[in-house]
Every structure is written in C-alpha cells, then in structure tokens.
Protein backbone atom coordinates (compact mmCIF):
# COMPACT_ATOMS: atom_id res chain seq x y z
CA MET A 1 0.00 0.00 0.00
CA SER A 2 1.32 3.43 -0.92
CA GLU A 3 2.42 5.56 2.02
CA ARG A 4 0.56 8.83 2.46
CA PRO A 5 1.66 12.21 3.86
CA ASN A 6 2.29 12.36 7.60
CA ARG A 7 -0.43 14.94 8.25
CA ASP A 8 -3.69 15.75 6.52
CA GLY A 9 -4.86 19.15 5.41
CA GLY A 10 -3.29 22.02 3.56
CA GLY A 11 -0.38 22.68 5.95
CA LEU A 12 2.75 24.15 4.42
CA LEU A 13 6.32 22.87 4.51
CA LEU A 14 9.39 25.06 4.07
CA ALA A 15 12.29 23.12 2.57
CA ILE A 16 15.98 24.02 2.30
CA GLU A 17 18.41 22.41 -0.17
CA THR A 18 22.18 23.18 -0.14
CA SER A 19 23.77 19.87 -1.17
CA CYS A 20 26.04 21.35 -3.85
CA ASP A 21 26.28 24.82 -5.41
CA ASP A 22 22.62 25.90 -5.62
CA THR A 23 21.09 27.64 -2.61
CA CYS A 24 17.42 26.67 -2.63
CA ALA A 25 14.28 27.15 -0.56
CA ALA A 26 10.67 26.29 -1.34
CA VAL A 27 7.24 26.17 0.23
CA VAL A 28 5.05 23.22 -0.72
CA ALA A 29 1.59 22.26 0.53
CA ARG A 30 0.84 18.82 1.94
CA ASP A 31 -1.08 17.93 -1.23
CA GLY A 32 2.03 18.58 -3.35
CA GLU A 33 1.12 22.06 -4.63
CA ILE A 34 4.25 24.19 -5.05
CA ARG A 35 3.68 27.64 -3.53
CA SER A 36 7.24 28.88 -4.17
CA ASN A 37 10.53 27.44 -5.44
CA VAL A 38 13.55 29.75 -5.19
CA ILE A 39 16.88 28.68 -6.69
CA SER A 40 19.97 30.87 -6.43
CA SER A 41 22.76 29.47 -8.60
CA GLN A 42 26.30 30.38 -7.64
CA GLY A 43 27.79 31.72 -10.86
CA VAL A 44 31.35 31.59 -9.62
CA HIS A 45 32.39 27.99 -10.19
CA ASP A 46 32.72 28.17 -13.97
CA ARG A 47 36.07 29.92 -13.56
CA TYR A 48 37.38 26.83 -11.74
CA GLY A 49 35.90 24.28 -14.14
CA GLY A 50 33.89 22.65 -11.35
CA VAL A 51 32.39 23.18 -7.92
CA VAL A 52 34.88 24.17 -5.19
CA PRO A 53 33.37 22.92 -1.90
CA GLU A 54 34.76 25.70 0.31
CA VAL A 55 33.60 28.39 -2.10
CA ALA A 56 30.15 26.80 -2.33
CA SER A 57 29.81 26.71 1.46
CA ARG A 58 30.73 30.37 1.85
CA HIS A 59 28.24 31.43 -0.80
CA HIS A 60 25.49 29.37 0.85
CA LEU A 61 26.13 31.34 4.04
CA GLU A 62 25.77 34.60 2.13
CA LEU A 63 22.61 33.59 0.26
CA ILE A 64 20.58 31.34 2.56
CA GLU A 65 18.77 34.04 4.57
CA THR A 66 17.63 35.94 1.48
CA VAL A 67 16.58 32.77 -0.35
CA VAL A 68 14.45 31.59 2.60
CA GLU A 69 12.85 35.02 2.95
CA ASP A 70 12.03 35.07 -0.78
CA ALA A 71 10.46 31.61 -0.64
CA LEU A 72 8.23 32.58 2.30
CA ALA A 73 7.25 35.90 0.72
CA GLN A 74 6.36 34.33 -2.63
CA ALA A 75 4.24 31.73 -0.84
CA GLY A 76 2.49 34.42 1.21
CA THR A 77 3.30 32.79 4.53
CA THR A 78 5.52 33.16 7.60
CA LEU A 79 7.52 30.78 9.75
CA PRO A 80 4.93 30.53 12.57
CA GLN A 81 2.28 29.52 10.02
CA LEU A 82 4.26 26.54 8.75
CA ASP A 83 3.50 22.88 9.42
CA GLY A 84 7.20 22.05 9.55
CA ILE A 85 10.63 22.51 7.99
CA ALA A 86 12.46 20.03 5.75
CA VAL A 87 16.13 20.00 4.84
CA THR A 88 18.51 17.94 2.74
CA GLN A 89 20.65 15.92 5.14
CA GLY A 90 22.74 14.20 2.43
CA PRO A 91 24.34 13.01 0.29
CA GLY A 92 26.34 15.95 -1.00
CA LEU A 93 29.19 18.27 -0.05
CA VAL A 94 29.35 18.16 3.74
CA GLY A 95 30.28 21.81 4.20
CA ALA A 96 27.46 22.92 1.94
CA LEU A 97 24.95 20.57 3.57
CA LEU A 98 25.85 21.83 7.04
CA VAL A 99 24.80 25.36 6.10
CA GLY A 100 21.33 24.14 5.20
CA VAL A 101 21.04 21.77 8.17
CA ALA A 102 22.15 24.42 10.67
CA THR A 103 19.75 26.97 9.19
CA ALA A 104 16.83 24.55 9.22
CA LYS A 105 17.51 23.48 12.81
CA ALA A 106 17.72 27.08 13.99
CA LEU A 107 14.48 28.12 12.27
CA ALA A 108 12.61 25.03 13.42
CA ALA A 109 13.84 25.33 17.01
CA ALA A 110 12.99 29.02 17.22
CA HIS A 111 9.36 28.24 16.42
CA ARG A 112 9.23 24.73 17.96
CA LEU A 113 8.38 23.27 14.55
CA PRO A 114 9.06 19.64 13.59
CA LEU A 115 12.04 19.06 11.31
CA VAL A 116 12.12 16.51 8.49
CA PRO A 117 15.60 15.34 7.35
CA VAL A 118 15.46 14.29 3.69
CA ASP A 119 17.75 12.19 1.52
CA HIS A 120 18.70 14.19 -1.59
CA LEU A 121 18.03 11.26 -3.92
CA HIS A 122 14.61 10.65 -2.40
CA GLY A 123 14.06 14.30 -3.34
CA HIS A 124 14.81 13.54 -6.99
CA VAL A 125 12.32 10.67 -6.82
CA ALA A 126 9.71 12.84 -5.10
CA ALA A 127 10.01 15.55 -7.76
CA SER A 128 7.66 13.27 -9.68
CA PHE A 129 5.06 13.43 -6.88
CA VAL A 130 4.25 17.16 -6.99
CA GLN A 131 1.21 18.82 -8.51
CA PRO A 132 -0.15 19.28 -11.12
CA ASP A 133 1.06 16.06 -12.77
CA PRO A 134 2.19 13.53 -10.15
CA ILE A 135 2.98 9.93 -11.03
CA GLU A 136 1.79 7.18 -8.71
CA PRO A 137 4.00 4.19 -7.80
CA PRO A 138 5.00 1.62 -8.76
CA PHE A 139 7.37 2.70 -11.52
CA LEU A 140 11.02 2.64 -12.55
CA ILE A 141 13.06 5.81 -12.26
CA LEU A 142 16.40 6.80 -13.75
CA ILE A 143 18.15 9.45 -11.65
CA ALA A 144 21.04 10.99 -13.56
CA SER A 145 22.74 14.05 -12.15
CA GLY A 146 26.17 15.55 -11.63
CA GLY A 147 26.98 13.36 -8.66
CA HIS A 148 24.65 10.38 -8.94
CA THR A 149 23.43 7.89 -11.52
CA LEU A 150 21.10 5.11 -10.48
CA LEU A 151 18.14 3.09 -11.65
CA ALA A 152 15.50 2.24 -9.05
CA HIS A 153 12.15 0.56 -8.56
CA VAL A 154 9.84 2.97 -6.72
CA LYS A 155 7.32 0.79 -4.88
CA ASP A 156 5.54 3.52 -2.91
CA HIS A 157 6.01 7.13 -1.80
CA GLY A 158 8.04 6.30 1.29
CA ALA A 159 11.60 7.22 2.20
CA ARG A 160 13.04 3.78 3.03
CA TRP A 161 15.74 2.51 0.67
CA GLY A 162 16.59 -1.13 0.11
CA ARG A 163 15.20 -4.38 -1.25
CA ASP A 164 12.48 -4.43 1.42
CA GLY A 165 11.96 -0.66 1.42
CA SER A 166 10.01 1.83 -0.64
CA ILE A 167 12.82 2.42 -3.16
CA GLU A 168 14.95 -0.48 -4.38
CA VAL A 169 18.11 0.42 -6.28
CA LEU A 170 18.51 -1.90 -9.27
CA GLY A 171 21.73 -0.43 -10.64
CA SER A 172 24.14 2.42 -9.97
CA THR A 173 27.33 3.82 -11.39
CA ARG A 174 30.64 2.16 -10.60
CA ASP A 175 32.67 5.28 -11.30
CA ASP A 176 31.68 8.62 -12.79
CA ALA A 177 28.05 9.72 -12.75
CA ALA A 178 26.47 10.70 -16.07
CA GLY A 179 26.69 14.38 -15.19
CA GLU A 180 30.38 14.02 -14.38
CA ALA A 181 30.88 12.32 -17.74
CA PHE A 182 29.27 15.31 -19.45
CA ASP A 183 31.38 17.78 -17.45
CA LYS A 184 34.66 15.94 -18.05
CA GLY A 185 33.91 15.48 -21.74
CA ALA A 186 33.10 19.17 -22.05
CA ARG A 187 36.38 20.07 -20.37
CA LEU A 188 38.32 17.87 -22.80
CA LEU A 189 36.62 19.73 -25.67
CA GLY A 190 37.40 23.14 -24.21
CA LEU A 191 33.82 23.96 -23.24
CA GLY A 192 32.58 25.80 -20.17
CA TYR A 193 31.09 24.63 -16.88
CA PRO A 194 28.54 23.21 -16.34
CA GLY A 195 29.43 20.91 -19.18
CA GLY A 196 26.10 19.24 -19.94
CA PRO A 197 24.27 22.22 -21.49
CA ALA A 198 27.41 23.40 -23.31
CA LEU A 199 28.10 19.97 -24.77
CA GLN A 200 24.47 19.50 -25.83
CA ARG A 201 24.52 22.85 -27.69
CA LEU A 202 27.70 21.93 -29.53
CA ALA A 203 26.49 18.38 -30.24
CA ALA A 204 23.43 19.77 -32.04
CA GLU A 205 25.82 20.92 -34.78
CA GLY A 206 27.59 17.56 -35.16
CA ASP A 207 27.15 14.02 -36.43
CA PRO A 208 26.46 11.50 -33.63
CA GLU A 209 27.67 8.67 -35.87
CA ALA A 210 31.02 10.28 -36.68
CA PHE A 211 32.95 8.46 -33.93
CA ALA A 212 32.29 5.04 -32.39
CA PHE A 213 32.62 5.62 -28.65
CA PRO A 214 31.92 2.68 -26.28
CA VAL A 215 28.28 2.24 -25.28
CA ALA A 216 26.94 0.33 -22.26
CA ALA A 217 30.24 -0.97 -20.93
CA GLN A 218 30.23 -4.64 -20.00
CA VAL A 219 29.55 -4.39 -16.28
CA PRO A 220 27.31 -6.87 -14.45
CA GLY A 221 23.58 -6.44 -14.09
CA LEU A 222 22.12 -2.98 -14.38
CA ASP A 223 25.13 -0.98 -13.17
CA PHE A 224 26.62 1.89 -15.18
CA SER A 225 30.20 2.83 -16.06
CA PHE A 226 31.39 5.99 -17.77
CA SER A 227 35.13 6.09 -17.02
CA GLY A 228 36.01 4.12 -20.16
CA LEU A 229 33.98 6.50 -22.29
CA LYS A 230 35.77 9.53 -20.89
CA THR A 231 39.13 7.84 -21.54
CA ALA A 232 38.09 7.01 -25.12
CA LEU A 233 37.35 10.69 -25.78
CA LEU A 234 40.71 11.67 -24.30
CA TYR A 235 42.58 9.21 -26.54
CA LYS A 236 40.60 10.29 -29.59
CA THR A 237 41.49 13.96 -29.09
CA ARG A 238 45.15 13.01 -28.72
CA GLU A 239 44.96 10.88 -31.85
CA LEU A 240 43.37 13.68 -33.88
CA GLY A 241 45.70 16.38 -32.63
CA GLU A 242 44.84 19.89 -31.54
CA GLU A 243 43.97 21.31 -34.97
CA GLU A 244 41.78 18.41 -36.12
CA THR A 245 40.09 18.17 -32.71
CA GLU A 246 39.13 21.83 -32.96
CA ARG A 247 37.76 21.33 -36.47
CA ARG A 248 35.70 18.30 -35.46
CA ARG A 249 34.60 19.36 -31.99
CA ALA A 250 30.89 19.24 -32.88
CA ASP A 251 31.17 15.68 -34.21
CA LEU A 252 33.11 14.62 -31.12
CA ALA A 253 30.51 16.20 -28.85
CA ALA A 254 27.60 14.60 -30.73
CA SER A 255 29.19 11.14 -30.71
CA TYR A 256 30.18 11.41 -27.05
CA GLN A 257 26.70 12.56 -26.03
CA ARG A 258 25.13 9.72 -28.00
CA ALA A 259 27.29 7.20 -26.10
CA ILE A 260 26.16 8.59 -22.73
CA VAL A 261 22.51 8.58 -23.78
CA GLU A 262 22.70 5.05 -25.19
CA THR A 263 24.44 3.74 -22.07
CA LEU A 264 21.61 5.09 -19.93
CA ALA A 265 18.84 4.01 -22.30
CA ARG A 266 20.06 0.45 -22.75
CA ARG A 267 20.21 -0.11 -18.98
CA VAL A 268 16.67 1.25 -18.68
CA GLU A 269 15.53 -1.05 -21.48
CA ARG A 270 17.11 -4.03 -19.76
CA ALA A 271 15.51 -3.10 -16.40
CA ARG A 272 12.05 -2.89 -17.94
CA ALA A 273 12.52 -6.30 -19.53
CA GLU A 274 13.83 -7.90 -16.31
CA THR A 275 11.25 -6.42 -13.95
CA GLY A 276 8.21 -6.29 -16.23
CA ILE A 277 7.59 -2.72 -15.00
CA GLU A 278 6.89 -0.47 -17.98
CA ARG A 279 6.10 2.88 -16.32
CA LEU A 280 9.17 5.08 -16.32
CA ALA A 281 10.20 8.41 -14.81
CA ILE A 282 13.48 10.32 -14.90
CA GLY A 283 15.01 12.86 -12.55
CA GLY A 284 18.22 14.75 -11.88
CA GLY A 285 19.98 17.44 -13.88
CA VAL A 286 20.84 15.16 -16.80
CA ALA A 287 17.09 14.54 -17.23
CA ALA A 288 17.00 18.02 -18.79
CA ASN A 289 19.07 16.70 -21.72
CA GLY A 290 16.90 16.79 -24.85
CA PRO A 291 18.38 13.77 -26.69
CA LEU A 292 18.04 11.64 -23.54
CA ARG A 293 14.37 12.57 -23.19
CA GLU A 294 13.75 11.76 -26.85
CA ARG A 295 15.54 8.41 -26.62
CA LEU A 296 13.65 7.34 -23.49
CA ARG A 297 10.32 8.42 -24.96
CA ARG A 298 10.94 5.94 -27.76
CA LEU A 299 11.19 3.27 -25.06
CA ALA A 300 8.31 4.56 -22.94
CA PRO A 301 5.91 6.91 -24.76
CA ASP A 302 4.26 7.85 -21.43
CA LEU A 303 7.62 8.76 -19.87
CA HIS A 304 7.14 11.00 -16.83
CA VAL A 305 9.54 13.96 -16.87
CA PRO A 306 9.32 16.68 -14.21
CA PRO A 307 9.60 20.30 -15.37
CA ARG A 308 13.20 21.33 -15.98
CA GLU A 309 13.30 23.45 -12.81
CA LEU A 310 12.50 20.29 -10.81
CA CYS A 311 15.19 18.20 -12.52
CA THR A 312 18.16 20.21 -11.30
CA ASP A 313 18.73 20.64 -7.55
CA ASN A 314 15.80 22.45 -5.94
CA ALA A 315 14.00 22.61 -2.61
CA ALA A 316 10.50 21.83 -3.90
CA MET A 317 11.53 18.22 -4.45
CA ILE A 318 12.88 18.11 -0.85
CA ALA A 319 9.57 19.37 0.49
CA SER A 320 7.76 16.82 -1.65
CA ALA A 321 9.87 14.01 -0.19
CA ALA A 322 9.32 15.35 3.33
CA ARG A 323 5.59 14.74 2.96
CA PHE A 324 6.33 11.02 3.09
CA ALA A 325 9.24 11.02 5.56
CA GLN A 326 9.26 10.89 9.35
CA PRO A 327 9.35 14.31 11.09
CA VAL A 328 11.46 14.81 14.21
CA ALA A 329 9.92 16.83 17.04
CA PHE A 330 11.79 19.51 18.98
CA PRO A 331 14.34 19.08 20.56
CA GLY A 332 15.17 15.71 19.00
CA TYR A 333 16.76 17.21 15.91
CA LEU A 334 19.22 19.53 17.63
CA SER A 335 21.99 16.92 17.27
CA LEU A 336 21.12 16.17 13.62
CA ASP A 337 24.19 16.04 11.38
CA ALA A 338 24.79 15.96 7.61
CA TYR A 339 26.27 13.03 5.70
CA SER A 340 28.18 12.94 2.43
CA SER A 341 27.15 9.44 1.27
CA GLY A 342 26.29 5.94 2.35
CA GLU A 343 23.14 6.52 4.40
CA ARG A 344 20.57 4.95 2.06
CA GLY A 345 21.34 1.32 2.78
CA LEU A 346 22.08 0.54 -0.85
C-alpha cells in the first residue's frame, strides 16, 4: 500500500536544499502544490571548471537568509504559520549541507516546529510526486545528475531505501556519474562549466555517428560505467591532434553525447525487460538533456519527466519528499548532522 503524507490538510512545509552549489528554498503544501521554489545558482564555479566545496559553502552562508525570505514571501506565509521545515541531510558536499542543516535546525527550534531530514536522492524521486502532474508508484526511475546515476524501482512514496523498502536500487554507477561524464567530456573539448548544457549545444551541430565511442560498458547487471567512455574521448582527441580536434569538436561532442545517452537508455531497457515494469520516470539534472528525453520516450511513450526546474537541484523536491518522511519533534533534531554518502542502505 502506498504511504501517504504524515499529516492531513493544507499545511505548508518550508524546505531548504544546499547539497552542492545551488542555494534553494521552497514552500510546498501537503497535497504537493508548489507555492514557491527559489533557486539561487552560484555563478562563480565556472572559472574553476567545477564546484569548489569551500567556495560553495561560503556562498550558501551569504545567500541562505535571502533565499528563505524570498520563498516565504512568494508563498504568502511566515515561519509561525508553517506545518514544519524540511532539509537535505545528504548526500552531497558536507560543508554545503551543514549550512542548510544548521539553518533549518535554527528556524525550526525558534518556532518549535518539527524538522524533516530528507535524503537528496529521495528528493529527486519525489520531484515526480508534486502537482499538477504527479505519477503514482509503482514505476522505474532513472536518476542521472552531476553526482549520482542510479536506476530504481519505486514501490511507494516512502523514504526507506533497500530491497524491502520503498525504493529499491537496481543499478548504480561504478565510477563517474552521467553528469560528471558530461562535465569531463566538455572540459576535454574546451567547453565551459557546467558541461552538460554546453556539450548539448555543440552536439546539435555535429554528427552523432562520426565516432564510435563505447556504449553500455560490459559491467554486471544494471550498473553503469562511464570512465572508459571519458578515456576514449581523451585518446581520440590526442589521436586527432589539436587542430583536427578543434575542427571536429561538434562531431566529437555529438558522438560522445550519443554514447552517454545510449548507455543510460540500454540499462533502462534491460531493467524494464527484467522487472516487467513499464512505467518510467526520470530525474536529476541530466534529465534536462533533450536527446536523452527523446531516446527514453521511444522506449516509454508515457515517460514522466518533471519540469526542468524540478530536474536540477531544488527545494520543492525536498519538500515533496518530506511529505512522506518521518518528522522529528523539537528538541530531538538539535543533534542532527549531515552526511556525504552511504546513508541509504544501498
């Protein structure tokens, strides 16, 4: 039986998400209606070619108060009127997570509100549960983002991970996540950060059949691997030389992107065949990739894709997950800590 929200009625949840480089706050009603969803992206990491954890943490400290105030104002509510506060506890960058956790604990304690710690990946699953177009379990979901790539069977709305839980992971990456593969490929081709959007724009000008990059590496079961693909692109650029690589950058980008998309799609296809579950959803930043959406829609015409603003890191998905997670009453959450990985019982 599908788990339902912890409390009935139209109560509001404020959620805070600071797992990486986006400072986010949102207000979501218990029925999944998004009242506000504020995302402040830190536009400083492109100069470094990737997220610098210490820089991200400092910017979260500078932005978090304003972002929370904006989310409350847009929702037309105040802290004392809330039903509770949710926050991403992990996985992610520990320093960045601690900013969100400390802020959420302080706000909740000041108003004696319950606090709901949320797993970031449950958030990506729960992005598919919000109004106006929620999907009901059971279904398969592909989560592909900058730091995580996994394929899971969503049995109900709940927050428990594992074979006997609400969300059973069927396959995950053994090395780089899909988003990391995009970023590293973009860096090899001299593109900016974040690499996914930049590589997709360049790939639109190229021939995806120009180069035969490895697809769906031979790893057991439904796991993913992208390290060999990244290495293949590196060797190909060395083989071509600087001048020829520059001339054929669009073809390289298109072929590389196709290999990432096919690796993801073939694992999804295998999972549907092995489980007999045909309903499919996707989440995470890579879910915003146009060719990936098109490829998966050929597999599952009724593919459920959240709006783009709910694919990348955001707090609305954290609030959505909190509706089905266990709240902690004051003062039980005062010792709550963040975690970087390993808490889902995979």
